[in-house]
Amino acid sequence: MTGASRPAGYGPALDLVTRVRGVRGAMLVSGDDGLVVAEQLMEGIKGVAVAALAASLASRLRRAMEAAGLGVSLFWHLQCDQGGLLVVPAPSGVLIVAVAEPDVNVGLVRLELLRAAEAVG
């Protein structure tokens, strides 16, 4: 994995997620505008596109959850035929995002995403 965009202090939070077998990358994304805050991604993953998708979905989910009166989402998982996107919003508004293979242990990734969210604040 490349550490191309990995500001000091965020490395350990990303490491929590990327050490899980089947995770192809982890990112911290601004929930407001979809900008990449930090990333650890395998070659071939388009981080900017993933960040934009995660932020757009988070915004739409937030509005839909509020409209339904269900409160704030704590975790979401988008499964596709070639992999998945798993996201946990941190209290600060940053999204912790994992890009995973189809057969990843979703429960373990969720646990590590929650730990990373706690570390990021």
C-alpha atoms as a PDB file:
ATOM      1  CA  MET A   1       0.000   0.000   0.000  1.00  0.00           C
ATOM      2  CA  THR A   2       1.159   3.453  -0.719  1.00  0.00           C
ATOM      3  CA  GLY A   3       1.165   6.140   1.929  1.00  0.00           C
ATOM      4  CA  ALA A   4       1.019   8.927  -0.609  1.00  0.00           C
ATOM      5  CA  SER A   5      -1.313  11.133   1.364  1.00  0.00           C
ATOM      6  CA  ARG A   6      -0.830  10.374   5.013  1.00  0.00           C
ATOM      7  CA  PRO A   7      -0.445  13.391   7.302  1.00  0.00           C
ATOM      8  CA  ALA A   8       1.295  12.759  10.588  1.00  0.00           C
ATOM      9  CA  GLY A   9      -1.047  11.427  13.250  1.00  0.00           C
ATOM     10  CA  TYR A  10      -3.471   9.716  10.868  1.00  0.00           C
ATOM     11  CA  GLY A  11      -1.214   6.792   9.989  1.00  0.00           C
ATOM     12  CA  PRO A  12      -2.111   4.686  13.042  1.00  0.00           C
ATOM     13  CA  ALA A  13      -5.854   5.189  12.432  1.00  0.00           C
ATOM     14  CA  LEU A  14      -5.497   4.047   8.820  1.00  0.00           C
ATOM     15  CA  ASP A  15      -3.291   1.129   9.894  1.00  0.00           C
ATOM     16  CA  LEU A  16      -6.121  -0.188  12.103  1.00  0.00           C
ATOM     17  CA  VAL A  17      -8.234  -0.660   9.005  1.00  0.00           C
ATOM     18  CA  THR A  18      -5.670  -1.701   6.397  1.00  0.00           C
ATOM     19  CA  ARG A  19      -4.269  -4.528   8.509  1.00  0.00           C
ATOM     20  CA  VAL A  20      -7.538  -6.476   8.046  1.00  0.00           C
ATOM     21  CA  ARG A  21      -7.206  -9.145   5.353  1.00  0.00           C
ATOM     22  CA  GLY A  22      -9.264  -8.231   2.306  1.00  0.00           C
ATOM     23  CA  VAL A  23      -9.063  -4.460   2.815  1.00  0.00           C
ATOM     24  CA  ARG A  24      -7.529  -2.841  -0.262  1.00  0.00           C
ATOM     25  CA  GLY A  25      -7.307   0.617   1.224  1.00  0.00           C
ATOM     26  CA  ALA A  26      -8.448   3.064   3.851  1.00  0.00           C
ATOM     27  CA  MET A  27      -9.114   6.773   3.692  1.00  0.00           C
ATOM     28  CA  LEU A  28     -10.105   9.709   5.830  1.00  0.00           C
ATOM     29  CA  VAL A  29     -12.478  11.897   3.845  1.00  0.00           C
ATOM     30  CA  SER A  30     -14.012  15.252   4.656  1.00  0.00           C
ATOM     31  CA  GLY A  31     -17.727  14.586   5.014  1.00  0.00           C
ATOM     32  CA  ASP A  32     -18.598  18.118   3.908  1.00  0.00           C
ATOM     33  CA  ASP A  33     -16.791  18.358   0.593  1.00  0.00           C
ATOM     34  CA  GLY A  34     -15.358  14.920  -0.179  1.00  0.00           C
ATOM     35  CA  LEU A  35     -11.724  15.975  -0.035  1.00  0.00           C
ATOM     36  CA  VAL A  36      -9.159  13.319   0.875  1.00  0.00           C
ATOM     37  CA  VAL A  37      -7.633  14.043   4.291  1.00  0.00           C
ATOM     38  CA  ALA A  38      -5.375  10.965   4.336  1.00  0.00           C
ATOM     39  CA  GLU A  39      -5.167   7.681   2.455  1.00  0.00           C
ATOM     40  CA  GLN A  40      -3.487   4.294   2.285  1.00  0.00           C
ATOM     41  CA  LEU A  41      -4.583   2.680  -0.959  1.00  0.00           C
ATOM     42  CA  MET A  42      -3.381  -0.186  -3.121  1.00  0.00           C
ATOM     43  CA  GLU A  43      -2.366   0.642  -6.679  1.00  0.00           C
ATOM     44  CA  GLY A  44      -5.291   1.060  -9.042  1.00  0.00           C
ATOM     45  CA  ILE A  45      -7.779   2.461  -6.535  1.00  0.00           C
ATOM     46  CA  LYS A  46      -8.975   5.920  -7.535  1.00  0.00           C
ATOM     47  CA  GLY A  47      -8.946   7.670  -4.178  1.00  0.00           C
ATOM     48  CA  VAL A  48     -10.465  10.937  -5.357  1.00  0.00           C
ATOM     49  CA  ALA A  49     -13.431   9.118  -6.925  1.00  0.00           C
ATOM     50  CA  VAL A  50     -13.944   6.943  -3.833  1.00  0.00           C
ATOM     51  CA  ALA A  51     -13.816  10.016  -1.590  1.00  0.00           C
ATOM     52  CA  ALA A  52     -16.370  11.872  -3.715  1.00  0.00           C
ATOM     53  CA  LEU A  53     -18.686   8.844  -3.734  1.00  0.00           C
ATOM     54  CA  ALA A  54     -18.420   8.354   0.039  1.00  0.00           C
ATOM     55  CA  ALA A  55     -19.114  12.024   0.819  1.00  0.00           C
ATOM     56  CA  SER A  56     -22.041  12.197  -1.615  1.00  0.00           C
ATOM     57  CA  LEU A  57     -23.627   9.036  -0.208  1.00  0.00           C
ATOM     58  CA  ALA A  58     -23.033  10.194   3.372  1.00  0.00           C
ATOM     59  CA  SER A  59     -24.800  13.489   2.675  1.00  0.00           C
ATOM     60  CA  ARG A  60     -27.780  11.779   1.033  1.00  0.00           C
ATOM     61  CA  LEU A  61     -28.004   9.127   3.754  1.00  0.00           C
ATOM     62  CA  ARG A  62     -27.900  11.798   6.462  1.00  0.00           C
ATOM     63  CA  ARG A  63     -30.834  13.652   4.884  1.00  0.00           C
ATOM     64  CA  ALA A  64     -32.810  10.446   4.327  1.00  0.00           C
ATOM     65  CA  MET A  65     -32.216   9.213   7.891  1.00  0.00           C
ATOM     66  CA  GLU A  66     -33.289  12.588   9.312  1.00  0.00           C
ATOM     67  CA  ALA A  67     -36.416  12.600   7.143  1.00  0.00           C
ATOM     68  CA  ALA A  68     -37.273   9.091   8.326  1.00  0.00           C
ATOM     69  CA  GLY A  69     -36.682  10.086  11.948  1.00  0.00           C
ATOM     70  CA  LEU A  70     -34.118   7.340  12.479  1.00  0.00           C
ATOM     71  CA  GLY A  71     -31.257   9.466  13.751  1.00  0.00           C
ATOM     72  CA  VAL A  72     -27.623   9.487  12.695  1.00  0.00           C
ATOM     73  CA  SER A  73     -26.079   6.569  10.821  1.00  0.00           C
ATOM     74  CA  LEU A  74     -23.215   4.846  12.627  1.00  0.00           C
ATOM     75  CA  PHE A  75     -22.000   2.511   9.865  1.00  0.00           C
ATOM     76  CA  TRP A  76     -22.872   1.711   6.297  1.00  0.00           C
ATOM     77  CA  HIS A  77     -21.770  -0.863   3.787  1.00  0.00           C
ATOM     78  CA  LEU A  78     -22.171  -0.666   0.016  1.00  0.00           C
ATOM     79  CA  GLN A  79     -21.625  -4.111  -1.535  1.00  0.00           C
ATOM     80  CA  CYS A  80     -20.822  -4.490  -5.235  1.00  0.00           C
ATOM     81  CA  ASP A  81     -19.858  -7.506  -7.319  1.00  0.00           C
ATOM     82  CA  GLN A  82     -16.134  -6.642  -7.255  1.00  0.00           C
ATOM     83  CA  GLY A  83     -15.866  -5.368  -3.700  1.00  0.00           C
ATOM     84  CA  GLY A  84     -17.358  -3.059  -1.170  1.00  0.00           C
ATOM     85  CA  LEU A  85     -17.203   0.329   0.467  1.00  0.00           C
ATOM     86  CA  LEU A  86     -17.553   0.486   4.252  1.00  0.00           C
ATOM     87  CA  VAL A  87     -17.893   3.823   6.036  1.00  0.00           C
ATOM     88  CA  VAL A  88     -18.050   5.093   9.604  1.00  0.00           C
ATOM     89  CA  PRO A  89     -18.524   8.818  10.283  1.00  0.00           C
ATOM     90  CA  ALA A  90     -16.319  10.221  13.050  1.00  0.00           C
ATOM     91  CA  PRO A  91     -17.719  12.788  15.498  1.00  0.00           C
ATOM     92  CA  SER A  92     -15.558  15.456  13.812  1.00  0.00           C
ATOM     93  CA  GLY A  93     -17.383  14.989  10.496  1.00  0.00           C
ATOM     94  CA  VAL A  94     -14.556  13.049   8.870  1.00  0.00           C
ATOM     95  CA  LEU A  95     -15.557   9.796   7.183  1.00  0.00           C
ATOM     96  CA  ILE A  96     -13.405   6.723   7.758  1.00  0.00           C
ATOM     97  CA  VAL A  97     -13.664   4.703   4.539  1.00  0.00           C
ATOM     98  CA  ALA A  98     -12.502   1.187   3.718  1.00  0.00           C
ATOM     99  CA  VAL A  99     -12.317  -0.236   0.207  1.00  0.00           C
ATOM    100  CA  ALA A 100     -12.610  -4.009   0.475  1.00  0.00           C
ATOM    101  CA  GLU A 101     -12.666  -7.211  -1.524  1.00  0.00           C
ATOM    102  CA  PRO A 102     -16.012  -9.043  -1.831  1.00  0.00           C
ATOM    103  CA  ASP A 103     -15.103 -11.722   0.728  1.00  0.00           C
ATOM    104  CA  VAL A 104     -13.798  -9.434   3.473  1.00  0.00           C
ATOM    105  CA  ASN A 105     -14.861 -10.023   7.078  1.00  0.00           C
ATOM    106  CA  VAL A 106     -17.321  -7.119   7.318  1.00  0.00           C
ATOM    107  CA  GLY A 107     -17.685  -7.406  11.100  1.00  0.00           C
ATOM    108  CA  LEU A 108     -13.954  -7.088  11.665  1.00  0.00           C
ATOM    109  CA  VAL A 109     -13.651  -4.162   9.264  1.00  0.00           C
ATOM    110  CA  ARG A 110     -16.557  -2.439  11.038  1.00  0.00           C
ATOM    111  CA  LEU A 111     -14.845  -2.899  14.389  1.00  0.00           C
ATOM    112  CA  GLU A 112     -11.587  -1.418  13.101  1.00  0.00           C
ATOM    113  CA  LEU A 113     -13.413   1.464  11.399  1.00  0.00           C
ATOM    114  CA  LEU A 114     -15.106   2.303  14.715  1.00  0.00           C
ATOM    115  CA  ARG A 115     -11.719   2.202  16.470  1.00  0.00           C
ATOM    116  CA  ALA A 116     -10.222   4.443  13.819  1.00  0.00           C
ATOM    117  CA  ALA A 117     -13.141   6.879  14.166  1.00  0.00           C
ATOM    118  CA  GLU A 118     -12.522   7.035  17.889  1.00  0.00           C
ATOM    119  CA  ALA A 119      -8.811   7.688  17.317  1.00  0.00           C
ATOM    120  CA  VAL A 120      -9.497  10.430  14.765  1.00  0.00           C
ATOM    121  CA  GLY A 121     -12.123  12.072  16.986  1.00  0.00           C
END
